[in-house]
Amino acid sequence: MHSRYYELYRMKADRHWLHQKLVTHARPRGVKDTARAFGCSRNTVRTWLRRYQPGQPSSLAERSRRAHRCPHQTPSSLEGAVVRRRRQTGFGAERLKMEFALPVGISAIQRILRLHDLVRPRPKKHARKKQLRYLKKTWPRFGQLVADTQYLQDIP
């Protein structure tokens, strides 16, 4: 009995070895028997049999699941214009859109600026407090005292 396919697959150590083992089992014995033996679906067995090409070990390598294209992606020319205008002016996303009438949304401009590291992240609370402590150490002792005086002339 072979190990379960998904257990071996989750280990991520050597998936290529697992795929080879699956294909060598499936070629003489068939899809259904291999699926039962490895504890995976028949479609998984069919996928690796379809991809297998003798003499090409790379045929059983993992393939990216990333989309091949993104039809609504901002064109690189427009992205370059946003980056250029930001570097010239230092404006934020809303003002860039308003001043230069850019044909993209504010969130798209923000995403482009983040992608090109043009947005400084807001400092965390502990960092701001630490900075304030450092600043207060430079002040002279008792230099920030305020004396609140009241003239109580109307009291007998």
C-alpha atoms as a PDB file:
ATOM      1  CA  MET A   1       0.000   0.000   0.000  1.00  0.00           C
ATOM      2  CA  HIS A   2       1.350   3.390  -1.015  1.00  0.00           C
ATOM      3  CA  SER A   3       1.240   6.497   1.158  1.00  0.00           C
ATOM      4  CA  ARG A   4      -1.704   8.787   0.690  1.00  0.00           C
ATOM      5  CA  TYR A   5      -1.121  11.274  -2.119  1.00  0.00           C
ATOM      6  CA  TYR A   6      -2.218  14.378  -0.246  1.00  0.00           C
ATOM      7  CA  GLU A   7      -0.063  13.511   2.800  1.00  0.00           C
ATOM      8  CA  LEU A   8       3.050  13.234   0.649  1.00  0.00           C
ATOM      9  CA  TYR A   9       2.026  16.279  -1.352  1.00  0.00           C
ATOM     10  CA  ARG A  10       1.693  18.400   1.789  1.00  0.00           C
ATOM     11  CA  MET A  11       5.264  17.579   2.838  1.00  0.00           C
ATOM     12  CA  LYS A  12       6.541  19.697  -0.094  1.00  0.00           C
ATOM     13  CA  ALA A  13       9.920  17.999   0.143  1.00  0.00           C
ATOM     14  CA  ASP A  14      10.122  16.279  -3.232  1.00  0.00           C
ATOM     15  CA  ARG A  15       6.884  16.411  -5.160  1.00  0.00           C
ATOM     16  CA  HIS A  16       8.660  15.540  -8.398  1.00  0.00           C
ATOM     17  CA  TRP A  17       9.504  12.130  -6.922  1.00  0.00           C
ATOM     18  CA  LEU A  18       5.847  11.630  -5.974  1.00  0.00           C
ATOM     19  CA  HIS A  19       4.665  12.482  -9.479  1.00  0.00           C
ATOM     20  CA  GLN A  20       7.146  10.036 -11.020  1.00  0.00           C
ATOM     21  CA  LYS A  21       6.034   7.311  -8.632  1.00  0.00           C
ATOM     22  CA  LEU A  22       2.381   7.972  -9.483  1.00  0.00           C
ATOM     23  CA  VAL A  23       3.014   7.846 -13.244  1.00  0.00           C
ATOM     24  CA  THR A  24       5.103   4.647 -13.084  1.00  0.00           C
ATOM     25  CA  HIS A  25       2.317   3.002 -11.088  1.00  0.00           C
ATOM     26  CA  ALA A  26      -0.444   4.230 -13.396  1.00  0.00           C
ATOM     27  CA  ARG A  27       1.034   3.275 -16.755  1.00  0.00           C
ATOM     28  CA  PRO A  28       0.792  -0.522 -16.316  1.00  0.00           C
ATOM     29  CA  ARG A  29      -2.078  -0.651 -13.805  1.00  0.00           C
ATOM     30  CA  GLY A  30      -4.473   2.073 -14.988  1.00  0.00           C
ATOM     31  CA  VAL A  31      -6.030   5.226 -13.603  1.00  0.00           C
ATOM     32  CA  LYS A  32      -8.640   3.732 -11.266  1.00  0.00           C
ATOM     33  CA  ASP A  33      -6.255   1.342  -9.502  1.00  0.00           C
ATOM     34  CA  THR A  34      -3.621   4.084  -9.042  1.00  0.00           C
ATOM     35  CA  ALA A  35      -6.191   6.511  -7.662  1.00  0.00           C
ATOM     36  CA  ARG A  36      -7.234   3.878  -5.114  1.00  0.00           C
ATOM     37  CA  ALA A  37      -3.642   2.987  -4.216  1.00  0.00           C
ATOM     38  CA  PHE A  38      -2.496   6.604  -3.740  1.00  0.00           C
ATOM     39  CA  GLY A  39      -5.755   7.841  -2.225  1.00  0.00           C
ATOM     40  CA  CYS A  40      -6.268  10.635  -4.729  1.00  0.00           C
ATOM     41  CA  SER A  41      -8.814  11.433  -7.408  1.00  0.00           C
ATOM     42  CA  ARG A  42      -8.760   9.913 -10.878  1.00  0.00           C
ATOM     43  CA  ASN A  43      -8.460  13.402 -12.321  1.00  0.00           C
ATOM     44  CA  THR A  44      -5.183  13.898 -10.443  1.00  0.00           C
ATOM     45  CA  VAL A  45      -3.799  10.684 -11.943  1.00  0.00           C
ATOM     46  CA  ARG A  46      -5.016  11.685 -15.407  1.00  0.00           C
ATOM     47  CA  THR A  47      -3.404  15.124 -15.059  1.00  0.00           C
ATOM     48  CA  TRP A  48       0.050  13.690 -14.346  1.00  0.00           C
ATOM     49  CA  LEU A  49      -0.290  11.022 -17.037  1.00  0.00           C
ATOM     50  CA  ARG A  50      -1.257  13.700 -19.556  1.00  0.00           C
ATOM     51  CA  ARG A  51       1.707  15.911 -18.575  1.00  0.00           C
ATOM     52  CA  TYR A  52       4.250  13.090 -18.557  1.00  0.00           C
ATOM     53  CA  GLN A  53       6.633  13.015 -21.502  1.00  0.00           C
ATOM     54  CA  PRO A  54       9.273  10.263 -21.573  1.00  0.00           C
ATOM     55  CA  GLY A  55      12.861  11.532 -21.464  1.00  0.00           C
ATOM     56  CA  GLN A  56      11.799  14.919 -20.088  1.00  0.00           C
ATOM     57  CA  PRO A  57      11.961  14.955 -16.291  1.00  0.00           C
ATOM     58  CA  SER A  58      10.810  18.583 -16.219  1.00  0.00           C
ATOM     59  CA  SER A  59       7.412  17.523 -17.595  1.00  0.00           C
ATOM     60  CA  LEU A  60       6.403  16.397 -14.076  1.00  0.00           C
ATOM     61  CA  ALA A  61       7.472  19.638 -12.410  1.00  0.00           C
ATOM     62  CA  GLU A  62       4.942  21.896 -10.694  1.00  0.00           C
ATOM     63  CA  ARG A  63       3.333  24.540 -12.894  1.00  0.00           C
ATOM     64  CA  SER A  64       2.298  27.975 -11.795  1.00  0.00           C
ATOM     65  CA  ARG A  65      -1.413  28.489 -11.175  1.00  0.00           C
ATOM     66  CA  ARG A  66      -1.105  32.216 -11.783  1.00  0.00           C
ATOM     67  CA  ALA A  67      -3.341  33.704 -14.471  1.00  0.00           C
ATOM     68  CA  HIS A  68      -1.693  34.120 -17.870  1.00  0.00           C
ATOM     69  CA  ARG A  69      -3.102  37.588 -18.380  1.00  0.00           C
ATOM     70  CA  CYS A  70      -5.040  40.260 -16.528  1.00  0.00           C
ATOM     71  CA  PRO A  71      -7.324  42.242 -18.862  1.00  0.00           C
ATOM     72  CA  HIS A  72      -8.072  45.047 -16.366  1.00  0.00           C
ATOM     73  CA  GLN A  73      -4.428  45.657 -15.400  1.00  0.00           C
ATOM     74  CA  THR A  74      -3.262  49.282 -15.563  1.00  0.00           C
ATOM     75  CA  PRO A  75      -1.106  49.829 -18.670  1.00  0.00           C
ATOM     76  CA  SER A  76       2.599  50.256 -17.905  1.00  0.00           C
ATOM     77  CA  SER A  77       2.688  53.631 -19.705  1.00  0.00           C
ATOM     78  CA  LEU A  78       0.003  54.989 -17.375  1.00  0.00           C
ATOM     79  CA  GLU A  79       1.726  53.423 -14.385  1.00  0.00           C
ATOM     80  CA  GLY A  80       4.945  55.205 -15.385  1.00  0.00           C
ATOM     81  CA  ALA A  81       3.064  58.517 -15.659  1.00  0.00           C
ATOM     82  CA  VAL A  82       1.652  58.099 -12.131  1.00  0.00           C
ATOM     83  CA  VAL A  83       5.102  57.321 -10.707  1.00  0.00           C
ATOM     84  CA  ARG A  84       6.703  60.241 -12.572  1.00  0.00           C
ATOM     85  CA  ARG A  85       4.060  62.731 -11.387  1.00  0.00           C
ATOM     86  CA  ARG A  86       4.351  61.475  -7.797  1.00  0.00           C
ATOM     87  CA  ARG A  87       8.132  61.969  -7.835  1.00  0.00           C
ATOM     88  CA  GLN A  88       7.767  65.465  -9.323  1.00  0.00           C
ATOM     89  CA  THR A  89       5.079  66.734  -6.978  1.00  0.00           C
ATOM     90  CA  GLY A  90       4.880  64.435  -3.961  1.00  0.00           C
ATOM     91  CA  PHE A  91       1.072  64.536  -4.159  1.00  0.00           C
ATOM     92  CA  GLY A  92      -1.096  61.731  -2.769  1.00  0.00           C
ATOM     93  CA  ALA A  93      -3.409  59.544  -4.824  1.00  0.00           C
ATOM     94  CA  GLU A  94      -6.502  61.745  -4.603  1.00  0.00           C
ATOM     95  CA  ARG A  95      -4.673  64.925  -5.502  1.00  0.00           C
ATOM     96  CA  LEU A  96      -2.796  63.232  -8.364  1.00  0.00           C
ATOM     97  CA  LYS A  97      -6.100  62.118  -9.864  1.00  0.00           C
ATOM     98  CA  MET A  98      -7.679  65.538  -9.373  1.00  0.00           C
ATOM     99  CA  GLU A  99      -4.757  67.682 -10.608  1.00  0.00           C
ATOM    100  CA  PHE A 100      -3.723  65.615 -13.614  1.00  0.00           C
ATOM    101  CA  ALA A 101      -7.100  64.035 -14.545  1.00  0.00           C
ATOM    102  CA  LEU A 102      -5.632  60.533 -14.584  1.00  0.00           C
ATOM    103  CA  PRO A 103      -7.985  57.921 -16.116  1.00  0.00           C
ATOM    104  CA  VAL A 104      -7.572  55.441 -13.246  1.00  0.00           C
ATOM    105  CA  GLY A 105      -9.213  55.139  -9.862  1.00  0.00           C
ATOM    106  CA  ILE A 106      -7.781  56.431  -6.603  1.00  0.00           C
ATOM    107  CA  SER A 107      -7.285  52.921  -5.241  1.00  0.00           C
ATOM    108  CA  ALA A 108      -5.378  51.949  -8.417  1.00  0.00           C
ATOM    109  CA  ILE A 109      -3.097  54.962  -7.959  1.00  0.00           C
ATOM    110  CA  GLN A 110      -2.544  53.992  -4.306  1.00  0.00           C
ATOM    111  CA  ARG A 111      -1.698  50.440  -5.359  1.00  0.00           C
ATOM    112  CA  ILE A 112       0.806  51.718  -7.951  1.00  0.00           C
ATOM    113  CA  LEU A 113       2.462  54.003  -5.390  1.00  0.00           C
ATOM    114  CA  ARG A 114       2.746  51.138  -2.875  1.00  0.00           C
ATOM    115  CA  LEU A 115       4.133  48.844  -5.571  1.00  0.00           C
ATOM    116  CA  HIS A 116       6.927  51.323  -6.363  1.00  0.00           C
ATOM    117  CA  ASP A 117       7.687  52.028  -2.670  1.00  0.00           C
ATOM    118  CA  LEU A 118       6.575  55.652  -2.927  1.00  0.00           C
ATOM    119  CA  VAL A 119       4.427  55.561   0.206  1.00  0.00           C
ATOM    120  CA  ARG A 120       6.011  55.846   3.617  1.00  0.00           C
ATOM    121  CA  PRO A 121       4.192  53.558   6.042  1.00  0.00           C
ATOM    122  CA  ARG A 122       2.601  55.228   9.039  1.00  0.00           C
ATOM    123  CA  PRO A 123       4.810  54.764  12.102  1.00  0.00           C
ATOM    124  CA  LYS A 124       3.480  52.396  14.747  1.00  0.00           C
ATOM    125  CA  LYS A 125       2.301  53.755  18.083  1.00  0.00           C
ATOM    126  CA  HIS A 126       5.277  52.396  20.010  1.00  0.00           C
ATOM    127  CA  ALA A 127       7.665  54.035  17.544  1.00  0.00           C
ATOM    128  CA  ARG A 128       5.929  57.429  17.921  1.00  0.00           C
ATOM    129  CA  LYS A 129       6.050  57.155  21.717  1.00  0.00           C
ATOM    130  CA  LYS A 130       9.742  56.238  21.610  1.00  0.00           C
ATOM    131  CA  GLN A 131      10.457  59.235  19.390  1.00  0.00           C
ATOM    132  CA  LEU A 132       8.578  61.536  21.792  1.00  0.00           C
ATOM    133  CA  ARG A 133      10.527  60.148  24.772  1.00  0.00           C
ATOM    134  CA  TYR A 134      13.786  60.856  22.957  1.00  0.00           C
ATOM    135  CA  LEU A 135      12.655  64.415  22.193  1.00  0.00           C
ATOM    136  CA  LYS A 136      11.614  65.065  25.799  1.00  0.00           C
ATOM    137  CA  LYS A 137      15.056  63.957  27.037  1.00  0.00           C
ATOM    138  CA  THR A 138      16.598  66.887  25.159  1.00  0.00           C
ATOM    139  CA  TRP A 139      14.425  69.436  26.974  1.00  0.00           C
ATOM    140  CA  PRO A 140      15.978  71.172  30.015  1.00  0.00           C
ATOM    141  CA  ARG A 141      14.767  69.995  33.425  1.00  0.00           C
ATOM    142  CA  PHE A 142      11.658  71.807  34.656  1.00  0.00           C
ATOM    143  CA  GLY A 143      11.658  73.828  31.452  1.00  0.00           C
ATOM    144  CA  GLN A 144       8.101  72.837  30.611  1.00  0.00           C
ATOM    145  CA  LEU A 145       6.476  73.708  33.946  1.00  0.00           C
ATOM    146  CA  VAL A 146       3.440  75.965  33.780  1.00  0.00           C
ATOM    147  CA  ALA A 147       2.273  77.901  36.807  1.00  0.00           C
ATOM    148  CA  ASP A 148      -1.416  78.632  36.707  1.00  0.00           C
ATOM    149  CA  THR A 149      -2.172  81.661  38.830  1.00  0.00           C
ATOM    150  CA  GLN A 150      -5.473  82.999  39.972  1.00  0.00           C
ATOM    151  CA  TYR A 151      -6.083  86.290  41.619  1.00  0.00           C
ATOM    152  CA  LEU A 152      -8.634  85.775  44.341  1.00  0.00           C
ATOM    153  CA  GLN A 153      -9.389  89.415  45.156  1.00  0.00           C
ATOM    154  CA  ASP A 154     -13.138  89.018  45.498  1.00  0.00           C
ATOM    155  CA  ILE A 155     -12.884  86.545  48.425  1.00  0.00           C
ATOM    156  CA  PRO A 156     -12.779  88.258  51.879  1.00  0.00           C
END
